[in-house]
Amino acid sequence: MRKLTINSLPDSFYAGKKVLLRVDYNVPIRNGIITEDYRIRQTIPTIEYLAEKGAKIIIMSHLGRPKGIVDPKFSLRPVSEKLMEILKVNDVQFVDECIGKHVVYLVNKLENGDVLLLENLRFYPQEERNDPGFCSQLAAYGDIFVNDAFSTSHRKHASTYGIPNLFEYKIAGFVVNKELTNLDRMIQRPKRPLLTIIGGSKIKDKLNALEKLLNIADKVIVGGCIANTFLNALDINVGDSLIENKSKSRIKKIMKIYKDKIILPHDFLVESNENVRNTMNMYTDIPFGHSIVDIGRDTTFNYSQHIVQNKGTIFWNGPMGKYEIEDFAHGTNEIARAVSCAHWRGAYTVVGGGDTIAAIRKANVLLNEINFVSTGGSATLEYIGGMDLPGISVLNDDISSMNAINSN
């Protein structure tokens, strides 16, 4: 069912109310400088909409994995400075904690249209434990809860699940609504043919989504370490390449059912383990002492042809190899460019996952050359795979905008 979204409610609904807004500002920061701010820019419409309607906005986010301790390198202060630069609101403030008397003081001082960014939620071990006391302290700041962090909605953490459970009004922001709308379109009513490209390394995390996609897709292209495990399950030697042994039996069953839909690589860029960066193109069985680092030239051409000729729907998640190393990036770069070409030829293209977004940028493909770029990685795949996302299921359903806010 469609979730209640912030613009489903009357403009006057937010005036003077405190909105506790969960976003995902888990962005790369180097020497105090944000090197990629896509996730921050994505939240601008939600924040400015709420500010224009007179809300007082308290923003929560995590950054990295500080493991429940204060670590300055994971501070959200650089994010607050970026928000000060780009937001058109009355005022943006930052507080270097999430709970405590000083936070309560700053929250109570907020004027309509002001923004207060709290420090990294994961400086507190209570966040990932979904601690009830922590939830109550944070929930006390707001009158309304808004989730605009789709990419963390698969986590049953305090800020994504425990806190919204304490609110009557728990609403989707524009980022979450856009994610659900576009992913539902791809799953429920795709423009045919539906071509899926799955790569990367975390095969166990992707199998549910892969099976769901194989059920609805016309063809599925496989690359990366996932392809290694598929090939190994077919008794093809992949040398010392990374595989997921625990998934082999499941993959054998998948291959029996969907063998006519699955396209696997047939040549590879291979690295000698004894002489790093001594690469060669190899076919079929890879000898021990060698590891696959990218799809081969022939496979790259074959995959690219499947992509550029598709005028239906294309979904891509996961690189084809170790794209972050320039010598091993050819296959992933060419897939990114092929997806871009398919977009300009009329295909509806969807890309998801942090590594895939980074790969697109590395290949110099612009975001406007993709129809929809999902901010989620695991969350996107779990949603496609039919799994429950706690941070989404907890939100209010849009029952005719909650019966027009209970008939006013």
Protein backbone atom coordinates (compact mmCIF):
# COMPACT_ATOMS: atom_id res chain seq x y z
CA MET A 1 0.00 0.00 0.00
CA ARG A 2 1.13 3.53 -0.76
CA LYS A 3 2.70 5.29 2.22
CA LEU A 4 1.63 8.68 3.53
CA THR A 5 3.96 11.31 2.07
CA ILE A 6 4.66 14.79 3.42
CA ASN A 7 2.86 16.57 0.56
CA SER A 8 -0.27 14.44 1.07
CA LEU A 9 -1.20 16.56 4.07
CA PRO A 10 -2.59 20.13 4.24
CA ASP A 11 0.05 22.90 4.15
CA SER A 12 -1.09 24.16 7.54
CA PHE A 13 -0.44 20.78 9.14
CA TYR A 14 3.27 21.50 9.75
CA ALA A 15 3.12 25.11 10.94
CA GLY A 16 4.81 25.44 14.34
CA LYS A 17 5.31 21.67 14.69
CA LYS A 18 8.64 19.99 15.37
CA VAL A 19 9.52 17.43 12.70
CA LEU A 20 12.04 14.70 13.55
CA LEU A 21 13.56 13.87 10.18
CA ARG A 22 15.69 10.76 9.56
CA VAL A 23 18.00 11.10 6.55
CA ASP A 24 21.03 9.21 5.30
CA TYR A 25 24.07 11.48 5.28
CA ASN A 26 26.51 8.57 5.22
CA VAL A 27 28.73 10.34 2.69
CA PRO A 28 32.47 10.06 1.99
CA ILE A 29 34.54 12.62 3.91
CA ARG A 30 38.28 13.06 3.48
CA ASN A 31 40.25 15.45 5.68
CA GLY A 32 37.02 17.12 6.75
CA ILE A 33 35.86 17.65 3.14
CA ILE A 34 32.82 15.91 1.66
CA THR A 35 33.95 14.29 -1.58
CA GLU A 36 30.51 13.16 -2.81
CA ASP A 37 27.31 14.89 -1.67
CA TYR A 38 24.61 13.16 -3.75
CA ARG A 39 22.72 11.86 -0.71
CA ILE A 40 22.75 15.32 0.88
CA ARG A 41 21.42 17.02 -2.25
CA GLN A 42 18.66 14.42 -2.52
CA THR A 43 17.16 15.59 0.78
CA ILE A 44 16.94 19.29 -0.15
CA PRO A 45 13.33 19.11 -1.45
CA THR A 46 12.06 17.45 1.74
CA ILE A 47 13.84 19.85 4.10
CA GLU A 48 12.89 23.00 2.18
CA TYR A 49 9.28 21.85 1.77
CA LEU A 50 8.90 21.34 5.52
CA ALA A 51 10.64 24.65 6.26
CA GLU A 52 8.37 26.53 3.85
CA LYS A 53 5.34 25.06 5.65
CA GLY A 54 6.59 26.45 8.97
CA ALA A 55 8.03 23.29 10.55
CA LYS A 56 10.92 23.22 13.00
CA ILE A 57 13.20 20.49 11.67
CA ILE A 58 15.47 18.25 13.75
CA ILE A 59 17.62 16.06 11.49
CA MET A 60 19.08 12.68 12.48
CA SER A 61 21.63 10.64 10.53
CA HIS A 62 24.49 8.19 10.92
CA LEU A 63 27.92 8.30 9.31
CA GLY A 64 30.21 5.32 8.93
CA ARG A 65 30.72 2.65 11.58
CA PRO A 66 32.14 4.30 14.72
CA LYS A 67 30.96 1.29 16.78
CA GLY A 68 29.15 3.21 19.48
CA ILE A 69 31.99 5.54 20.46
CA VAL A 70 32.71 9.18 19.67
CA ASP A 71 35.20 9.35 16.80
CA PRO A 72 35.85 12.84 15.34
CA LYS A 73 36.50 11.46 11.86
CA PHE A 74 32.87 10.34 11.73
CA SER A 75 31.42 13.65 12.90
CA LEU A 76 28.53 15.16 10.92
CA ARG A 77 29.92 18.69 11.37
CA PRO A 78 31.15 18.86 7.72
CA VAL A 79 27.62 17.89 6.66
CA SER A 80 26.16 20.76 8.67
CA GLU A 81 28.53 23.15 6.89
CA LYS A 82 27.36 21.80 3.53
CA LEU A 83 23.72 22.25 4.59
CA MET A 84 24.45 25.85 5.55
CA GLU A 85 25.74 26.41 2.02
CA ILE A 86 22.94 24.82 0.03
CA LEU A 87 19.69 25.08 2.04
CA LYS A 88 17.27 27.96 1.62
CA VAL A 89 15.91 27.98 5.18
CA ASN A 90 15.90 30.46 8.06
CA ASP A 91 18.80 28.95 9.99
CA VAL A 92 20.92 25.77 10.15
CA GLN A 93 22.53 24.74 13.44
CA PHE A 94 24.65 21.77 14.50
CA VAL A 95 24.89 20.17 17.92
CA ASP A 96 27.69 17.74 18.77
CA GLU A 97 25.48 15.25 20.60
CA CYS A 98 22.11 13.57 20.11
CA ILE A 99 20.69 13.54 23.61
CA GLY A 100 21.09 15.71 26.70
CA LYS A 101 20.02 19.02 28.22
CA HIS A 102 21.85 21.13 25.66
CA VAL A 103 20.06 19.38 22.78
CA VAL A 104 16.70 19.88 24.50
CA TYR A 105 17.54 23.58 24.96
CA LEU A 106 18.39 24.03 21.26
CA VAL A 107 15.30 22.13 20.13
CA ASN A 108 13.05 24.33 22.26
CA LYS A 109 14.67 27.48 20.85
CA LEU A 110 13.94 26.57 17.21
CA GLU A 111 11.80 29.00 15.23
CA ASN A 112 9.54 28.04 12.34
CA GLY A 113 11.68 27.14 9.32
CA ASP A 114 14.85 26.46 11.37
CA VAL A 115 16.98 23.33 10.99
CA LEU A 116 19.00 21.56 13.71
CA LEU A 117 21.33 18.70 12.73
CA LEU A 118 22.17 16.25 15.51
CA GLU A 119 25.55 14.52 15.78
CA ASN A 120 26.16 11.01 14.43
CA LEU A 121 23.57 8.59 15.83
CA ARG A 122 26.10 5.76 15.80
CA PHE A 123 28.23 7.49 18.43
CA TYR A 124 25.64 5.89 20.70
CA PRO A 125 25.51 2.06 20.92
CA GLN A 126 21.81 2.42 21.78
CA GLU A 127 21.07 3.35 18.15
CA GLU A 128 21.88 -0.03 16.60
CA ARG A 129 20.42 -1.85 19.62
CA ASN A 130 17.10 -0.02 19.16
CA ASP A 131 17.24 0.87 22.87
CA PRO A 132 13.79 1.93 24.21
CA GLY A 133 15.18 4.68 26.45
CA PHE A 134 17.23 6.15 23.59
CA CYS A 135 14.14 6.03 21.36
CA SER A 136 12.05 7.87 23.95
CA GLN A 137 14.64 10.63 24.44
CA LEU A 138 14.91 11.34 20.71
CA ALA A 139 11.18 10.98 20.03
CA ALA A 140 10.49 13.65 22.65
CA TYR A 141 12.02 16.27 20.33
CA GLY A 142 9.30 15.97 17.69
CA ASP A 143 5.58 16.10 17.01
CA ILE A 144 5.89 14.35 13.62
CA PHE A 145 8.36 11.75 12.33
CA VAL A 146 9.52 11.80 8.69
CA ASN A 147 11.67 9.08 7.13
CA ASP A 148 13.74 10.21 4.15
CA ALA A 149 16.44 7.55 4.57
CA PHE A 150 15.35 4.70 2.30
CA SER A 151 18.90 3.32 2.20
CA THR A 152 18.83 2.54 5.94
CA SER A 153 15.21 1.42 6.13
CA HIS A 154 16.15 -2.27 6.13
CA ARG A 155 17.69 -1.76 9.58
CA LYS A 156 15.63 -2.24 12.74
CA HIS A 157 17.52 0.54 14.51
CA ALA A 158 16.23 3.17 16.92
CA SER A 159 16.06 5.98 14.36
CA THR A 160 14.44 3.90 11.62
CA TYR A 161 12.08 1.69 13.60
CA GLY A 162 11.92 2.25 17.36
CA ILE A 163 11.42 6.01 17.25
CA PRO A 164 8.68 6.13 14.57
CA ASN A 165 6.73 3.55 16.55
CA LEU A 166 6.30 6.22 19.23
CA PHE A 167 4.62 8.69 16.84
CA GLU A 168 1.05 8.98 15.63
CA TYR A 169 2.24 10.63 12.42
CA LYS A 170 5.16 8.80 10.78
CA ILE A 171 5.44 9.91 7.18
CA ALA A 172 7.59 9.32 4.10
CA GLY A 173 9.74 12.13 2.75
CA PHE A 174 10.24 12.80 -0.94
CA VAL A 175 13.33 10.56 -1.23
CA VAL A 176 11.53 7.55 0.24
CA ASN A 177 8.43 8.19 -1.86
CA LYS A 178 10.52 8.44 -5.05
CA GLU A 179 12.33 5.19 -4.21
CA LEU A 180 9.10 3.27 -3.60
CA THR A 181 7.40 4.70 -6.70
CA ASN A 182 10.26 3.86 -9.07
CA LEU A 183 11.06 0.44 -7.63
CA ASP A 184 7.37 -0.54 -7.62
CA ARG A 185 7.13 0.53 -11.25
CA MET A 186 10.06 -1.70 -12.14
CA ILE A 187 8.78 -4.69 -10.17
CA GLN A 188 5.05 -4.49 -10.84
CA ARG A 189 4.71 -3.03 -14.33
CA PRO A 190 8.05 -3.01 -16.13
CA LYS A 191 8.32 -1.86 -19.71
CA ARG A 192 9.38 -5.02 -21.56
CA PRO A 193 11.84 -6.52 -22.04
CA LEU A 194 13.22 -6.29 -18.50
CA LEU A 195 16.99 -6.77 -18.44
CA THR A 196 18.74 -7.07 -15.08
CA ILE A 197 22.49 -6.73 -14.48
CA ILE A 198 23.74 -8.13 -11.17
CA GLY A 199 27.36 -7.90 -10.04
CA GLY A 200 29.39 -7.11 -6.97
CA SER A 201 30.58 -9.44 -4.26
CA LYS A 202 27.90 -9.90 -1.58
CA ILE A 203 26.07 -12.79 -3.20
CA LYS A 204 24.35 -13.98 -0.02
CA ASP A 205 22.74 -10.54 0.37
CA LYS A 206 21.56 -10.56 -3.25
CA LEU A 207 20.12 -14.02 -3.77
CA ASN A 208 16.56 -13.20 -2.65
CA ALA A 209 16.43 -10.21 -4.96
CA LEU A 210 18.06 -12.20 -7.76
CA GLU A 211 15.42 -14.93 -7.54
CA LYS A 212 12.64 -12.34 -7.56
CA LEU A 213 14.20 -10.62 -10.54
CA LEU A 214 14.71 -13.90 -12.39
CA ASN A 215 11.01 -14.57 -11.92
CA ILE A 216 9.99 -11.28 -13.56
CA ALA A 217 12.96 -10.46 -15.82
CA ASP A 218 13.40 -11.49 -19.43
CA LYS A 219 17.18 -11.78 -19.14
CA VAL A 220 19.67 -11.50 -16.26
CA ILE A 221 23.32 -10.63 -16.88
CA VAL A 222 25.69 -11.76 -14.12
CA GLY A 223 29.15 -10.39 -13.35
CA GLY A 224 31.56 -9.76 -10.49
CA CYS A 225 32.13 -12.28 -7.72
CA ILE A 226 28.54 -13.45 -8.09
CA ALA A 227 29.43 -14.75 -11.55
CA ASN A 228 32.40 -16.62 -10.05
CA THR A 229 30.06 -18.55 -7.76
CA PHE A 230 27.65 -19.31 -10.62
CA LEU A 231 30.49 -20.62 -12.77
CA ASN A 232 31.92 -22.66 -9.91
CA ALA A 233 28.48 -24.19 -9.30
CA LEU A 234 28.61 -25.33 -12.95
CA ASP A 235 31.94 -27.05 -12.23
CA ILE A 236 33.93 -24.44 -14.14
CA ASN A 237 37.28 -23.77 -12.48
CA VAL A 238 37.62 -20.12 -11.39
CA GLY A 239 41.10 -20.52 -9.92
CA ASP A 240 41.61 -18.61 -6.67
CA SER A 241 38.76 -16.19 -7.38
CA LEU A 242 36.44 -15.23 -4.54
CA ILE A 243 33.33 -17.42 -4.35
CA GLU A 244 30.53 -18.03 -1.84
CA ASN A 245 30.58 -21.77 -1.12
CA LYS A 246 27.50 -21.67 1.11
CA SER A 247 25.39 -20.45 -1.81
CA LYS A 248 26.45 -23.07 -4.37
CA SER A 249 23.58 -25.53 -3.83
CA ARG A 250 21.02 -22.76 -4.05
CA ILE A 251 22.61 -21.42 -7.21
CA LYS A 252 22.50 -24.88 -8.81
CA LYS A 253 18.74 -24.94 -8.24
CA ILE A 254 18.42 -21.42 -9.65
CA MET A 255 20.38 -22.44 -12.76
CA LYS A 256 18.10 -25.43 -13.39
CA ILE A 257 14.97 -23.29 -13.21
CA TYR A 258 16.18 -20.16 -14.98
CA LYS A 259 19.05 -21.35 -17.21
CA ASP A 260 17.44 -19.82 -20.32
CA LYS A 261 17.34 -16.37 -18.70
CA ILE A 262 20.83 -16.22 -17.18
CA ILE A 263 23.78 -14.85 -19.17
CA LEU A 264 27.21 -15.64 -17.69
CA PRO A 265 30.67 -14.36 -18.70
CA HIS A 266 32.76 -16.59 -20.95
CA ASP A 267 36.09 -14.79 -20.80
CA PHE A 268 37.83 -12.91 -18.01
CA LEU A 269 40.57 -10.51 -17.11
CA VAL A 270 42.75 -12.58 -14.79
CA GLU A 271 45.50 -11.58 -12.39
CA SER A 272 48.42 -13.77 -11.39
CA ASN A 273 48.57 -14.05 -7.62
CA GLU A 274 52.36 -14.28 -7.73
CA ASN A 275 52.84 -11.25 -9.95
CA VAL A 276 50.20 -8.65 -9.09
CA ARG A 277 48.98 -6.53 -12.03
CA ASN A 278 50.30 -9.12 -14.48
CA THR A 279 46.93 -9.55 -16.16
CA MET A 280 45.76 -11.56 -19.15
CA ASN A 281 42.52 -12.41 -20.89
CA MET A 282 41.47 -16.03 -20.35
CA TYR A 283 38.57 -18.25 -21.44
CA THR A 284 36.72 -21.07 -19.62
CA ASP A 285 38.73 -22.73 -16.81
CA ILE A 286 41.01 -20.46 -14.80
CA PRO A 287 44.08 -22.20 -13.35
CA PHE A 288 44.90 -22.04 -9.65
CA GLY A 289 47.24 -19.24 -8.76
CA HIS A 290 45.10 -16.81 -10.75
CA SER A 291 42.07 -14.70 -9.82
CA ILE A 292 39.34 -13.08 -11.92
CA VAL A 293 39.39 -9.28 -11.57
CA ASP A 294 37.01 -8.24 -14.39
CA ILE A 295 34.89 -9.63 -17.17
CA GLY A 296 36.84 -10.20 -20.40
CA ARG A 297 36.79 -8.18 -23.62
CA ASP A 298 34.46 -10.53 -25.50
CA THR A 299 32.04 -10.76 -22.58
CA THR A 300 32.11 -6.97 -22.19
CA PHE A 301 31.15 -6.57 -25.85
CA ASN A 302 28.43 -9.23 -25.59
CA TYR A 303 26.94 -7.70 -22.44
CA SER A 304 27.06 -4.20 -23.92
CA GLN A 305 25.18 -5.36 -27.02
CA HIS A 306 22.41 -6.89 -24.89
CA ILE A 307 22.13 -3.59 -23.00
CA VAL A 308 22.22 -1.04 -25.81
CA GLN A 309 19.69 -3.00 -27.86
CA ASN A 310 17.20 -3.16 -24.99
CA LYS A 311 14.46 -0.52 -25.22
CA GLY A 312 12.47 -1.82 -22.28
CA THR A 313 13.64 -1.64 -18.65
CA ILE A 314 17.19 -2.08 -17.34
CA PHE A 315 18.12 -2.54 -13.67
CA TRP A 316 21.79 -2.57 -12.65
CA ASN A 317 23.25 -3.38 -9.24
CA GLY A 318 26.90 -4.20 -8.67
CA PRO A 319 30.15 -3.73 -10.66
CA MET A 320 31.62 -6.33 -12.99
CA GLY A 321 34.99 -6.51 -11.23
CA LYS A 322 37.47 -4.54 -9.12
CA TYR A 323 36.42 -1.31 -10.83
CA GLU A 324 38.11 0.89 -8.22
CA ILE A 325 41.48 -0.16 -9.69
CA GLU A 326 41.90 1.49 -13.08
CA ASP A 327 43.51 -1.57 -14.69
CA PHE A 328 40.44 -3.65 -13.78
CA ALA A 329 37.70 -1.11 -14.55
CA HIS A 330 37.13 -1.68 -18.27
CA GLY A 331 34.17 -4.05 -18.00
CA THR A 332 32.31 -1.95 -15.43
CA ASN A 333 33.01 1.29 -17.31
CA GLU A 334 31.65 -0.16 -20.56
CA ILE A 335 28.52 -1.47 -18.83
CA ALA A 336 27.91 2.02 -17.39
CA ARG A 337 28.25 3.60 -20.83
CA ALA A 338 26.01 0.97 -22.39
CA VAL A 339 23.29 1.66 -19.81
CA SER A 340 23.61 5.36 -20.65
CA CYS A 341 23.24 4.62 -24.38
CA ALA A 342 20.17 2.48 -23.71
CA HIS A 343 18.65 5.37 -21.75
CA TRP A 344 19.05 7.74 -24.72
CA ARG A 345 17.47 5.09 -26.98
CA GLY A 346 14.35 4.99 -24.85
CA ALA A 347 14.96 2.35 -22.17
CA TYR A 348 13.82 2.99 -18.60
CA THR A 349 17.02 2.62 -16.58
CA VAL A 350 17.36 2.07 -12.82
CA VAL A 351 20.69 1.90 -10.99
CA GLY A 352 21.12 1.07 -7.30
CA GLY A 353 23.90 0.61 -4.77
CA GLY A 354 26.80 2.76 -3.61
CA ASP A 355 29.43 0.92 -5.65
CA THR A 356 27.30 1.10 -8.77
CA ILE A 357 26.74 4.84 -8.36
CA ALA A 358 30.48 5.31 -7.85
CA ALA A 359 31.13 3.21 -10.97
CA ILE A 360 28.82 5.41 -13.02
CA ARG A 361 30.69 8.50 -11.94
CA LYS A 362 34.04 6.84 -12.67
CA ALA A 363 32.84 6.08 -16.19
CA ASN A 364 31.86 9.77 -16.61
CA VAL A 365 28.18 8.91 -16.99
CA LEU A 366 26.00 11.76 -15.76
CA LEU A 367 23.07 11.24 -13.42
CA ASN A 368 20.69 12.68 -16.03
CA GLU A 369 21.70 9.78 -18.30
CA ILE A 370 19.92 7.37 -15.94
CA ASN A 371 16.17 7.48 -15.30
CA PHE A 372 16.43 6.67 -11.61
CA VAL A 373 19.41 6.31 -9.27
CA SER A 374 18.43 4.54 -6.06
CA THR A 375 20.19 5.74 -2.91
CA GLY A 376 19.85 2.26 -1.43
CA GLY A 377 22.15 -0.72 -1.77
CA SER A 378 21.01 -3.58 0.43
CA ALA A 379 17.69 -1.82 1.11
CA THR A 380 16.95 -1.66 -2.61
CA LEU A 381 17.75 -5.33 -3.13
CA GLU A 382 15.78 -6.45 -0.08
CA TYR A 383 12.76 -4.44 -1.23
CA ILE A 384 12.98 -5.92 -4.73
CA GLY A 385 13.36 -9.37 -3.17
CA GLY A 386 10.04 -8.97 -1.35
CA MET A 387 11.55 -8.69 2.12
CA ASP A 388 10.00 -6.44 4.75
CA LEU A 389 11.81 -3.14 5.33
CA PRO A 390 11.08 -2.23 8.97
CA GLY A 391 11.66 1.49 8.36
CA ILE A 392 9.04 1.48 5.60
CA SER A 393 6.44 -0.85 7.07
CA VAL A 394 6.29 1.25 10.26
CA LEU A 395 5.16 4.35 8.32
CA ASN A 396 1.52 5.41 8.02
CA ASP A 397 -0.38 3.99 5.07
CA ASP A 398 -1.99 6.63 2.87
CA ILE A 399 -5.61 5.77 3.57
CA SER A 400 -6.91 8.71 1.55
CA SER A 401 -4.34 10.84 3.38
CA MET A 402 -5.50 9.40 6.69
CA ASN A 403 -9.06 10.35 5.88
CA ALA A 404 -8.03 13.95 5.33
CA ILE A 405 -6.38 14.04 8.76
CA ASN A 406 -9.39 12.57 10.43
CA SER A 407 -11.74 15.07 8.77
CA ASN A 408 -9.76 17.92 10.33
